[in-house]
Amino acid sequence: MQRMLPGTRALRTYEAAARHLNFTHAAHELGLTPAAVSYQVKEMEEQLGLQLFARNSRSMALTPAGRLLFDAAADALATLRHAVARAQRLNRGGAPLRLSLGPRFATHWLLPRLADWRAAHPDVALTFDISDEVRDFDTDEVDIAIRFGAGAYAGTHAVRLFDTQVVPVCSPALLAGGASLRQPRDLVGQTLCQVDCQIDNMVWPNWAMWMAAAGVAGFDASRCVGFRDSAHVLQAVLDGGAVGLLELAMIRQEVAQGRLLRLFDIGLPVADGHAYHLVWPDAGAEDGRIRVFRQWLLEQLAIDA
């Protein structure tokens, strides 16, 4: 007689317990009590006629049978999660298109263009997941993403949008106040703001790097003001008292409006081989919403060119 297999709930409890090798930690993850986890595991052992854990007063380990079942349970649950996500995505044909993107790109590039998108495609609503965290298309409620990176992401399609460089900018008010910035060395002594972060373990371009590219020797970077977010650098510059290093692609509107002035012709690429990419999962290749958004985005880039 064929032995009945454990249900999904029991497998999920067992997978968490086997991964943590601790019923208390598994219970915290699952929203259960340790006693409930222990009961479900014991019930599963009795159902299968197997000992899954080797227990003593101080520790717990998986038996060979427990290890085999843990690997199978983890694979099965992952497969089920991915299948559910794909099924939900197939069912979202008329739902809003969920776009994941970083706050910098959202604020300075996409949001000023949203009116054009809505006028061109009133039948496709956009919703946003604004975060620098890379989302998982199989498990997160995301249909498409804009990410800065190398563009090679397993199980996805990617279209390169543009690379980027940082340039020095200031407010017209700084020059009107008497600052004379005719050559790169004139920036020494100014309040210099920069973004302090890393992308794929590469340092975001900073003032020390820019001064070296500009041929300014002996620059002391200890007085530079660093921010985690470029929005703070932008605000410091717009307030009129600072010179900032900012991505040219993200401040074109401010430069065109005369709110910012680009200083000198020296720009630094952010990272070799890196660019902004539009990314979507293989399972979304036939999604008409993704196709129209991709086409609209490329049209916007052609306008900027």
C-alpha atoms as a PDB file:
ATOM      1  CA  MET A   1       0.000   0.000   0.000  1.00  0.00           C
ATOM      2  CA  GLN A   2       1.417   3.355  -1.012  1.00  0.00           C
ATOM      3  CA  ARG A   3       2.378   5.516   1.950  1.00  0.00           C
ATOM      4  CA  MET A   4       0.625   8.893   2.102  1.00  0.00           C
ATOM      5  CA  LEU A   5       2.909  11.887   1.521  1.00  0.00           C
ATOM      6  CA  PRO A   6       3.096  14.810   3.978  1.00  0.00           C
ATOM      7  CA  GLY A   7       1.016  17.870   3.138  1.00  0.00           C
ATOM      8  CA  THR A   8       2.428  21.246   2.111  1.00  0.00           C
ATOM      9  CA  ARG A   9       2.014  22.695   5.608  1.00  0.00           C
ATOM     10  CA  ALA A  10       3.958  19.819   7.173  1.00  0.00           C
ATOM     11  CA  LEU A  11       6.704  20.056   4.543  1.00  0.00           C
ATOM     12  CA  ARG A  12       7.040  23.802   5.109  1.00  0.00           C
ATOM     13  CA  THR A  13       7.361  23.277   8.860  1.00  0.00           C
ATOM     14  CA  TYR A  14       9.886  20.474   8.387  1.00  0.00           C
ATOM     15  CA  GLU A  15      11.930  22.477   5.861  1.00  0.00           C
ATOM     16  CA  ALA A  16      12.225  25.408   8.284  1.00  0.00           C
ATOM     17  CA  ALA A  17      13.112  23.156  11.220  1.00  0.00           C
ATOM     18  CA  ALA A  18      15.721  21.284   9.168  1.00  0.00           C
ATOM     19  CA  ARG A  19      17.220  24.497   7.812  1.00  0.00           C
ATOM     20  CA  HIS A  20      17.556  26.101  11.244  1.00  0.00           C
ATOM     21  CA  LEU A  21      18.163  22.861  13.172  1.00  0.00           C
ATOM     22  CA  ASN A  22      16.278  24.659  15.897  1.00  0.00           C
ATOM     23  CA  PHE A  23      12.545  24.399  16.575  1.00  0.00           C
ATOM     24  CA  THR A  24      12.405  27.812  18.283  1.00  0.00           C
ATOM     25  CA  HIS A  25      13.949  29.607  15.307  1.00  0.00           C
ATOM     26  CA  ALA A  26      11.702  27.724  12.893  1.00  0.00           C
ATOM     27  CA  ALA A  27       8.661  28.602  15.000  1.00  0.00           C
ATOM     28  CA  HIS A  28       9.585  32.299  14.937  1.00  0.00           C
ATOM     29  CA  GLU A  29       9.876  32.212  11.128  1.00  0.00           C
ATOM     30  CA  LEU A  30       6.561  30.404  10.677  1.00  0.00           C
ATOM     31  CA  GLY A  31       4.540  32.245  13.306  1.00  0.00           C
ATOM     32  CA  LEU A  32       4.030  29.078  15.374  1.00  0.00           C
ATOM     33  CA  THR A  33       5.035  27.941  18.831  1.00  0.00           C
ATOM     34  CA  PRO A  34       8.059  25.639  19.264  1.00  0.00           C
ATOM     35  CA  ALA A  35       5.675  23.006  20.630  1.00  0.00           C
ATOM     36  CA  ALA A  36       3.599  23.170  17.431  1.00  0.00           C
ATOM     37  CA  VAL A  37       6.728  22.721  15.299  1.00  0.00           C
ATOM     38  CA  SER A  38       7.851  19.786  17.418  1.00  0.00           C
ATOM     39  CA  TYR A  39       4.408  18.179  17.168  1.00  0.00           C
ATOM     40  CA  GLN A  40       4.227  18.534  13.372  1.00  0.00           C
ATOM     41  CA  VAL A  41       7.727  17.087  12.928  1.00  0.00           C
ATOM     42  CA  LYS A  42       6.937  14.157  15.251  1.00  0.00           C
ATOM     43  CA  GLU A  43       3.672  13.527  13.398  1.00  0.00           C
ATOM     44  CA  MET A  44       5.537  13.554  10.081  1.00  0.00           C
ATOM     45  CA  GLU A  45       8.136  11.082  11.377  1.00  0.00           C
ATOM     46  CA  GLU A  46       5.375   8.738  12.536  1.00  0.00           C
ATOM     47  CA  GLN A  47       3.517   9.082   9.237  1.00  0.00           C
ATOM     48  CA  LEU A  48       6.623   8.223   7.212  1.00  0.00           C
ATOM     49  CA  GLY A  49       8.054   5.708   9.643  1.00  0.00           C
ATOM     50  CA  LEU A  50      11.388   7.552   9.591  1.00  0.00           C
ATOM     51  CA  GLN A  51      13.578   9.287  12.114  1.00  0.00           C
ATOM     52  CA  LEU A  52      14.407  12.666  10.582  1.00  0.00           C
ATOM     53  CA  PHE A  53      16.377  14.278  13.406  1.00  0.00           C
ATOM     54  CA  ALA A  54      19.057  12.930  15.710  1.00  0.00           C
ATOM     55  CA  ARG A  55      18.468  14.731  18.998  1.00  0.00           C
ATOM     56  CA  ASN A  56      20.376  15.020  22.242  1.00  0.00           C
ATOM     57  CA  SER A  57      20.208  17.434  25.166  1.00  0.00           C
ATOM     58  CA  ARG A  58      22.385  20.054  23.493  1.00  0.00           C
ATOM     59  CA  SER A  59      22.015  19.795  19.743  1.00  0.00           C
ATOM     60  CA  MET A  60      20.038  18.506  16.818  1.00  0.00           C
ATOM     61  CA  ALA A  61      21.208  17.091  13.496  1.00  0.00           C
ATOM     62  CA  LEU A  62      19.588  15.600  10.443  1.00  0.00           C
ATOM     63  CA  THR A  63      19.734  11.867   9.945  1.00  0.00           C
ATOM     64  CA  PRO A  64      20.687  10.636   6.442  1.00  0.00           C
ATOM     65  CA  ALA A  65      16.973  10.148   5.736  1.00  0.00           C
ATOM     66  CA  GLY A  66      16.257  13.610   7.148  1.00  0.00           C
ATOM     67  CA  ARG A  67      18.886  15.189   4.897  1.00  0.00           C
ATOM     68  CA  LEU A  68      17.441  13.466   1.838  1.00  0.00           C
ATOM     69  CA  LEU A  69      13.933  14.618   2.684  1.00  0.00           C
ATOM     70  CA  PHE A  70      15.090  18.161   3.499  1.00  0.00           C
ATOM     71  CA  ASP A  71      16.725  18.582   0.079  1.00  0.00           C
ATOM     72  CA  ALA A  72      13.615  17.259  -1.648  1.00  0.00           C
ATOM     73  CA  ALA A  73      11.267  19.418   0.447  1.00  0.00           C
ATOM     74  CA  ALA A  74      13.293  22.587  -0.213  1.00  0.00           C
ATOM     75  CA  ASP A  75      13.278  21.898  -3.971  1.00  0.00           C
ATOM     76  CA  ALA A  76       9.576  21.072  -4.006  1.00  0.00           C
ATOM     77  CA  LEU A  77       8.573  24.189  -2.079  1.00  0.00           C
ATOM     78  CA  ALA A  78      10.740  26.409  -4.278  1.00  0.00           C
ATOM     79  CA  THR A  79       9.228  24.870  -7.407  1.00  0.00           C
ATOM     80  CA  LEU A  80       5.728  25.404  -6.037  1.00  0.00           C
ATOM     81  CA  ARG A  81       6.429  29.034  -5.110  1.00  0.00           C
ATOM     82  CA  HIS A  82       7.809  29.731  -8.584  1.00  0.00           C
ATOM     83  CA  ALA A  83       4.855  28.038 -10.258  1.00  0.00           C
ATOM     84  CA  VAL A  84       2.368  30.042  -8.189  1.00  0.00           C
ATOM     85  CA  ALA A  85       4.175  33.286  -9.040  1.00  0.00           C
ATOM     86  CA  ARG A  86       4.164  32.434 -12.760  1.00  0.00           C
ATOM     87  CA  ALA A  87       0.470  31.496 -12.638  1.00  0.00           C
ATOM     88  CA  GLN A  88      -0.350  34.769 -10.902  1.00  0.00           C
ATOM     89  CA  ARG A  89       1.673  36.667 -13.499  1.00  0.00           C
ATOM     90  CA  LEU A  90      -0.268  34.985 -16.314  1.00  0.00           C
ATOM     91  CA  ASN A  91      -3.465  36.076 -14.614  1.00  0.00           C
ATOM     92  CA  ARG A  92      -2.360  39.715 -14.366  1.00  0.00           C
ATOM     93  CA  GLY A  93      -2.800  40.549 -18.052  1.00  0.00           C
ATOM     94  CA  GLY A  94      -5.227  43.399 -17.327  1.00  0.00           C
ATOM     95  CA  ALA A  95      -3.753  44.376 -13.966  1.00  0.00           C
ATOM     96  CA  PRO A  96      -1.381  47.311 -13.354  1.00  0.00           C
ATOM     97  CA  LEU A  97       2.213  46.763 -14.477  1.00  0.00           C
ATOM     98  CA  ARG A  98       4.378  46.524 -11.362  1.00  0.00           C
ATOM     99  CA  LEU A  99       7.769  48.187 -11.915  1.00  0.00           C
ATOM    100  CA  SER A 100      10.688  47.869  -9.507  1.00  0.00           C
ATOM    101  CA  LEU A 101      13.313  50.614  -9.646  1.00  0.00           C
ATOM    102  CA  GLY A 102      15.685  52.575  -7.453  1.00  0.00           C
ATOM    103  CA  PRO A 103      14.663  55.875  -5.864  1.00  0.00           C
ATOM    104  CA  ARG A 104      17.279  57.837  -7.836  1.00  0.00           C
ATOM    105  CA  PHE A 105      15.982  56.675 -11.212  1.00  0.00           C
ATOM    106  CA  ALA A 106      12.357  57.002 -10.105  1.00  0.00           C
ATOM    107  CA  THR A 107      12.645  60.585  -8.853  1.00  0.00           C
ATOM    108  CA  HIS A 108      14.984  62.114 -11.405  1.00  0.00           C
ATOM    109  CA  TRP A 109      14.268  60.214 -14.616  1.00  0.00           C
ATOM    110  CA  LEU A 110      10.947  58.395 -14.677  1.00  0.00           C
ATOM    111  CA  LEU A 111       8.528  60.511 -12.634  1.00  0.00           C
ATOM    112  CA  PRO A 112       8.939  63.644 -14.816  1.00  0.00           C
ATOM    113  CA  ARG A 113       7.890  61.498 -17.806  1.00  0.00           C
ATOM    114  CA  LEU A 114       4.860  59.799 -16.255  1.00  0.00           C
ATOM    115  CA  ALA A 115       2.378  62.254 -17.769  1.00  0.00           C
ATOM    116  CA  ASP A 116       3.607  61.247 -21.226  1.00  0.00           C
ATOM    117  CA  TRP A 117       3.201  57.546 -20.373  1.00  0.00           C
ATOM    118  CA  ARG A 118      -0.343  58.042 -19.108  1.00  0.00           C
ATOM    119  CA  ALA A 119      -1.298  60.037 -22.199  1.00  0.00           C
ATOM    120  CA  ALA A 120       0.183  57.433 -24.555  1.00  0.00           C
ATOM    121  CA  HIS A 121      -1.103  54.342 -22.698  1.00  0.00           C
ATOM    122  CA  PRO A 122      -4.130  55.217 -20.558  1.00  0.00           C
ATOM    123  CA  ASP A 123      -5.186  51.560 -20.549  1.00  0.00           C
ATOM    124  CA  VAL A 124      -1.993  50.315 -18.791  1.00  0.00           C
ATOM    125  CA  ALA A 125      -1.598  51.530 -15.218  1.00  0.00           C
ATOM    126  CA  LEU A 126       1.851  51.583 -13.611  1.00  0.00           C
ATOM    127  CA  THR A 127       2.506  50.831  -9.965  1.00  0.00           C
ATOM    128  CA  PHE A 128       5.924  51.051  -8.340  1.00  0.00           C
ATOM    129  CA  ASP A 129       8.192  49.121  -6.035  1.00  0.00           C
ATOM    130  CA  ILE A 130      10.802  51.781  -5.258  1.00  0.00           C
ATOM    131  CA  SER A 131      13.834  50.149  -3.702  1.00  0.00           C
ATOM    132  CA  ASP A 132      17.526  49.595  -4.365  1.00  0.00           C
ATOM    133  CA  GLU A 133      17.069  45.929  -3.422  1.00  0.00           C
ATOM    134  CA  VAL A 134      17.076  43.522  -6.367  1.00  0.00           C
ATOM    135  CA  ARG A 135      13.721  41.765  -6.456  1.00  0.00           C
ATOM    136  CA  ASP A 136      13.053  38.128  -7.338  1.00  0.00           C
ATOM    137  CA  PHE A 137      10.555  37.909 -10.194  1.00  0.00           C
ATOM    138  CA  ASP A 138       9.554  34.412  -9.091  1.00  0.00           C
ATOM    139  CA  THR A 139       8.608  35.325  -5.533  1.00  0.00           C
ATOM    140  CA  ASP A 140       8.053  39.114  -5.385  1.00  0.00           C
ATOM    141  CA  GLU A 141       5.037  40.952  -6.785  1.00  0.00           C
ATOM    142  CA  VAL A 142       7.077  42.568  -9.575  1.00  0.00           C
ATOM    143  CA  ASP A 143       6.596  42.334 -13.357  1.00  0.00           C
ATOM    144  CA  ILE A 144       9.559  44.338 -14.643  1.00  0.00           C
ATOM    145  CA  ALA A 145      12.542  46.232 -13.242  1.00  0.00           C
ATOM    146  CA  ILE A 146      15.053  48.964 -14.027  1.00  0.00           C
ATOM    147  CA  ARG A 147      18.423  48.168 -12.515  1.00  0.00           C
ATOM    148  CA  PHE A 148      21.960  49.478 -12.664  1.00  0.00           C
ATOM    149  CA  GLY A 149      24.444  46.679 -13.214  1.00  0.00           C
ATOM    150  CA  ALA A 150      26.097  44.394 -15.714  1.00  0.00           C
ATOM    151  CA  GLY A 151      22.773  43.309 -17.224  1.00  0.00           C
ATOM    152  CA  ALA A 152      23.360  39.556 -16.864  1.00  0.00           C
ATOM    153  CA  TYR A 153      20.598  38.130 -14.697  1.00  0.00           C
ATOM    154  CA  ALA A 154      19.639  34.448 -14.820  1.00  0.00           C
ATOM    155  CA  GLY A 155      16.205  33.648 -16.183  1.00  0.00           C
ATOM    156  CA  THR A 156      15.582  37.135 -17.524  1.00  0.00           C
ATOM    157  CA  HIS A 157      15.751  39.312 -20.593  1.00  0.00           C
ATOM    158  CA  ALA A 158      17.562  42.653 -20.338  1.00  0.00           C
ATOM    159  CA  VAL A 159      17.731  45.704 -22.604  1.00  0.00           C
ATOM    160  CA  ARG A 160      20.534  48.193 -22.047  1.00  0.00           C
ATOM    161  CA  LEU A 161      19.148  51.694 -21.596  1.00  0.00           C
ATOM    162  CA  PHE A 162      22.177  53.921 -21.002  1.00  0.00           C
ATOM    163  CA  ASP A 163      25.399  54.107 -19.053  1.00  0.00           C
ATOM    164  CA  THR A 164      26.051  57.006 -16.747  1.00  0.00           C
ATOM    165  CA  GLN A 165      28.742  59.364 -15.583  1.00  0.00           C
ATOM    166  CA  VAL A 166      29.049  61.757 -12.662  1.00  0.00           C
ATOM    167  CA  VAL A 167      29.915  65.398 -13.245  1.00  0.00           C
ATOM    168  CA  PRO A 168      30.499  68.398 -10.965  1.00  0.00           C
ATOM    169  CA  VAL A 169      27.586  70.809 -10.704  1.00  0.00           C
ATOM    170  CA  CYS A 170      26.692  73.884  -8.693  1.00  0.00           C
ATOM    171  CA  SER A 171      23.835  76.305  -8.304  1.00  0.00           C
ATOM    172  CA  PRO A 172      23.926  79.672 -10.169  1.00  0.00           C
ATOM    173  CA  ALA A 173      23.589  81.228  -6.710  1.00  0.00           C
ATOM    174  CA  LEU A 174      27.069  79.987  -5.782  1.00  0.00           C
ATOM    175  CA  LEU A 175      28.645  81.884  -8.674  1.00  0.00           C
ATOM    176  CA  ALA A 176      26.435  84.907  -8.070  1.00  0.00           C
ATOM    177  CA  GLY A 177      27.748  84.964  -4.506  1.00  0.00           C
ATOM    178  CA  GLY A 178      31.272  85.536  -5.742  1.00  0.00           C
ATOM    179  CA  ALA A 179      32.727  82.044  -6.150  1.00  0.00           C
ATOM    180  CA  SER A 180      35.248  81.954  -9.003  1.00  0.00           C
ATOM    181  CA  LEU A 181      35.359  78.472 -10.519  1.00  0.00           C
ATOM    182  CA  ARG A 182      37.373  78.776 -13.705  1.00  0.00           C
ATOM    183  CA  GLN A 183      39.579  75.701 -13.385  1.00  0.00           C
ATOM    184  CA  PRO A 184      39.333  72.450 -11.429  1.00  0.00           C
ATOM    185  CA  ARG A 185      41.762  73.592  -8.729  1.00  0.00           C
ATOM    186  CA  ASP A 186      39.363  76.427  -7.878  1.00  0.00           C
ATOM    187  CA  LEU A 187      37.054  73.805  -6.376  1.00  0.00           C
ATOM    188  CA  VAL A 188      39.541  73.236  -3.530  1.00  0.00           C
ATOM    189  CA  GLY A 189      38.140  75.071  -0.530  1.00  0.00           C
ATOM    190  CA  GLN A 190      34.526  74.767  -1.660  1.00  0.00           C
ATOM    191  CA  THR A 191      32.040  72.534   0.151  1.00  0.00           C
ATOM    192  CA  LEU A 192      32.260  69.382  -1.967  1.00  0.00           C
ATOM    193  CA  CYS A 193      29.458  66.812  -1.684  1.00  0.00           C
ATOM    194  CA  GLN A 194      29.463  63.270  -3.005  1.00  0.00           C
ATOM    195  CA  VAL A 195      27.616  59.960  -2.820  1.00  0.00           C
ATOM    196  CA  ASP A 196      29.313  57.436  -0.551  1.00  0.00           C
ATOM    197  CA  CYS A 197      28.303  53.947  -1.669  1.00  0.00           C
ATOM    198  CA  GLN A 198      29.426  50.874  -3.576  1.00  0.00           C
ATOM    199  CA  ILE A 199      27.875  49.106  -6.573  1.00  0.00           C
ATOM    200  CA  ASP A 200      28.858  45.451  -7.008  1.00  0.00           C
ATOM    201  CA  ASN A 201      31.812  46.072  -4.664  1.00  0.00           C
ATOM    202  CA  MET A 202      32.961  49.054  -6.756  1.00  0.00           C
ATOM    203  CA  VAL A 203      33.249  52.495  -5.161  1.00  0.00           C
ATOM    204  CA  TRP A 204      30.898  55.135  -6.560  1.00  0.00           C
ATOM    205  CA  PRO A 205      32.962  57.960  -8.158  1.00  0.00           C
ATOM    206  CA  ASN A 206      34.028  60.512  -5.566  1.00  0.00           C
ATOM    207  CA  TRP A 207      35.899  63.807  -5.407  1.00  0.00           C
ATOM    208  CA  ALA A 208      39.300  62.205  -4.892  1.00  0.00           C
ATOM    209  CA  MET A 209      38.807  60.248  -8.124  1.00  0.00           C
ATOM    210  CA  TRP A 210      37.504  63.309  -9.987  1.00  0.00           C
ATOM    211  CA  MET A 211      40.389  65.514  -8.848  1.00  0.00           C
ATOM    212  CA  ALA A 212      42.874  62.864  -9.972  1.00  0.00           C
ATOM    213  CA  ALA A 213      41.191  62.752 -13.409  1.00  0.00           C
ATOM    214  CA  ALA A 214      41.320  66.555 -13.546  1.00  0.00           C
ATOM    215  CA  GLY A 215      45.038  66.599 -12.748  1.00  0.00           C
ATOM    216  CA  VAL A 216      44.670  68.276  -9.335  1.00  0.00           C
ATOM    217  CA  ALA A 217      47.516  66.913  -7.211  1.00  0.00           C
ATOM    218  CA  GLY A 218      47.620  66.746  -3.417  1.00  0.00           C
ATOM    219  CA  PHE A 219      43.860  66.956  -2.966  1.00  0.00           C
ATOM    220  CA  ASP A 220      42.707  66.367   0.639  1.00  0.00           C
ATOM    221  CA  ALA A 221      39.425  64.456   0.502  1.00  0.00           C
ATOM    222  CA  SER A 222      38.912  64.403   4.275  1.00  0.00           C
ATOM    223  CA  ARG A 223      36.702  67.498   4.199  1.00  0.00           C
ATOM    224  CA  CYS A 224      34.304  66.182   1.529  1.00  0.00           C
ATOM    225  CA  VAL A 225      30.734  65.686   2.673  1.00  0.00           C
ATOM    226  CA  GLY A 226      29.357  62.236   1.867  1.00  0.00           C
ATOM    227  CA  PHE A 227      25.730  61.138   1.630  1.00  0.00           C
ATOM    228  CA  ARG A 228      24.217  57.712   1.067  1.00  0.00           C
ATOM    229  CA  ASP A 229      21.556  59.130  -1.250  1.00  0.00           C
ATOM    230  CA  SER A 230      22.165  61.370  -4.265  1.00  0.00           C
ATOM    231  CA  ALA A 231      18.954  63.272  -3.422  1.00  0.00           C
ATOM    232  CA  HIS A 232      20.770  64.786  -0.450  1.00  0.00           C
ATOM    233  CA  VAL A 233      23.699  65.803  -2.636  1.00  0.00           C
ATOM    234  CA  LEU A 234      21.285  67.419  -5.086  1.00  0.00           C
ATOM    235  CA  GLN A 235      19.513  69.325  -2.333  1.00  0.00           C
ATOM    236  CA  ALA A 236      22.801  70.586  -0.874  1.00  0.00           C
ATOM    237  CA  VAL A 237      23.776  71.903  -4.322  1.00  0.00           C
ATOM    238  CA  LEU A 238      20.380  73.490  -5.022  1.00  0.00           C
ATOM    239  CA  ASP A 239      20.535  75.260  -1.669  1.00  0.00           C
ATOM    240  CA  GLY A 240      23.454  77.171  -3.150  1.00  0.00           C
ATOM    241  CA  GLY A 241      26.303  76.395  -0.802  1.00  0.00           C
ATOM    242  CA  ALA A 242      27.908  73.287  -2.269  1.00  0.00           C
ATOM    243  CA  VAL A 243      29.383  71.727  -5.378  1.00  0.00           C
ATOM    244  CA  GLY A 244      28.245  68.152  -5.952  1.00  0.00           C
ATOM    245  CA  LEU A 245      29.105  65.137  -8.042  1.00  0.00           C
ATOM    246  CA  LEU A 246      25.885  63.895  -9.637  1.00  0.00           C
ATOM    247  CA  GLU A 247      24.823  61.630 -12.487  1.00  0.00           C
ATOM    248  CA  LEU A 248      24.354  63.744 -15.603  1.00  0.00           C
ATOM    249  CA  ALA A 249      21.489  61.569 -16.863  1.00  0.00           C
ATOM    250  CA  MET A 250      19.554  62.222 -13.647  1.00  0.00           C
ATOM    251  CA  ILE A 251      19.881  66.017 -13.623  1.00  0.00           C
ATOM    252  CA  ARG A 252      19.286  66.904 -17.278  1.00  0.00           C
ATOM    253  CA  GLN A 253      16.035  68.635 -16.387  1.00  0.00           C
ATOM    254  CA  GLU A 254      17.650  70.818 -13.707  1.00  0.00           C
ATOM    255  CA  VAL A 255      20.508  71.711 -16.078  1.00  0.00           C
ATOM    256  CA  ALA A 256      18.094  72.509 -18.926  1.00  0.00           C
ATOM    257  CA  GLN A 257      16.037  74.733 -16.603  1.00  0.00           C
ATOM    258  CA  GLY A 258      19.148  76.576 -15.395  1.00  0.00           C
ATOM    259  CA  ARG A 259      18.739  75.404 -11.802  1.00  0.00           C
ATOM    260  CA  LEU A 260      22.099  73.625 -12.013  1.00  0.00           C
ATOM    261  CA  LEU A 261      25.293  74.495 -13.870  1.00  0.00           C
ATOM    262  CA  ARG A 262      27.698  71.834 -15.051  1.00  0.00           C
ATOM    263  CA  LEU A 263      31.303  72.729 -14.228  1.00  0.00           C
ATOM    264  CA  PHE A 264      34.062  71.685 -16.625  1.00  0.00           C
ATOM    265  CA  ASP A 265      33.902  68.883 -19.176  1.00  0.00           C
ATOM    266  CA  ILE A 266      35.369  66.139 -17.018  1.00  0.00           C
ATOM    267  CA  GLY A 267      33.015  63.271 -16.176  1.00  0.00           C
ATOM    268  CA  LEU A 268      33.702  59.961 -14.503  1.00  0.00           C
ATOM    269  CA  PRO A 269      32.015  56.707 -15.587  1.00  0.00           C
ATOM    270  CA  VAL A 270      30.338  55.028 -12.644  1.00  0.00           C
ATOM    271  CA  ALA A 271      31.611  51.503 -13.328  1.00  0.00           C
ATOM    272  CA  ASP A 272      33.118  49.727 -16.329  1.00  0.00           C
ATOM    273  CA  GLY A 273      30.612  47.483 -18.076  1.00  0.00           C
ATOM    274  CA  HIS A 274      27.714  48.750 -15.966  1.00  0.00           C
ATOM    275  CA  ALA A 275      24.639  50.579 -17.208  1.00  0.00           C
ATOM    276  CA  TYR A 276      20.945  51.000 -16.535  1.00  0.00           C
ATOM    277  CA  HIS A 277      18.952  48.051 -17.875  1.00  0.00           C
ATOM    278  CA  LEU A 278      15.296  47.227 -18.296  1.00  0.00           C
ATOM    279  CA  VAL A 279      14.868  43.657 -17.012  1.00  0.00           C
ATOM    280  CA  TRP A 280      11.934  41.261 -17.149  1.00  0.00           C
ATOM    281  CA  PRO A 281      11.539  37.508 -16.535  1.00  0.00           C
ATOM    282  CA  ASP A 282      11.533  34.900 -19.289  1.00  0.00           C
ATOM    283  CA  ALA A 283       7.947  34.114 -18.297  1.00  0.00           C
ATOM    284  CA  GLY A 284       6.933  37.692 -19.173  1.00  0.00           C
ATOM    285  CA  ALA A 285       8.142  37.567 -22.766  1.00  0.00           C
ATOM    286  CA  GLU A 286       4.570  37.420 -24.093  1.00  0.00           C
ATOM    287  CA  ASP A 287       3.181  40.045 -21.697  1.00  0.00           C
ATOM    288  CA  GLY A 288       1.769  42.854 -23.837  1.00  0.00           C
ATOM    289  CA  ARG A 289       2.101  45.366 -20.999  1.00  0.00           C
ATOM    290  CA  ILE A 290       5.845  44.753 -20.861  1.00  0.00           C
ATOM    291  CA  ARG A 291       6.169  45.151 -24.630  1.00  0.00           C
ATOM    292  CA  VAL A 292       4.441  48.542 -24.710  1.00  0.00           C
ATOM    293  CA  PHE A 293       6.405  49.805 -21.705  1.00  0.00           C
ATOM    294  CA  ARG A 294       9.698  48.722 -23.264  1.00  0.00           C
ATOM    295  CA  GLN A 295       8.815  50.461 -26.531  1.00  0.00           C
ATOM    296  CA  TRP A 296       7.771  53.643 -24.743  1.00  0.00           C
ATOM    297  CA  LEU A 297      10.963  53.676 -22.690  1.00  0.00           C
ATOM    298  CA  LEU A 298      13.148  53.322 -25.795  1.00  0.00           C
ATOM    299  CA  GLU A 299      11.207  56.158 -27.443  1.00  0.00           C
ATOM    300  CA  GLN A 300      11.925  58.375 -24.441  1.00  0.00           C
ATOM    301  CA  LEU A 301      15.624  57.573 -24.718  1.00  0.00           C
ATOM    302  CA  ALA A 302      15.573  58.466 -28.414  1.00  0.00           C
ATOM    303  CA  ILE A 303      14.128  61.890 -27.499  1.00  0.00           C
ATOM    304  CA  ASP A 304      16.997  62.450 -25.042  1.00  0.00           C
ATOM    305  CA  ALA A 305      19.663  61.423 -27.553  1.00  0.00           C
END
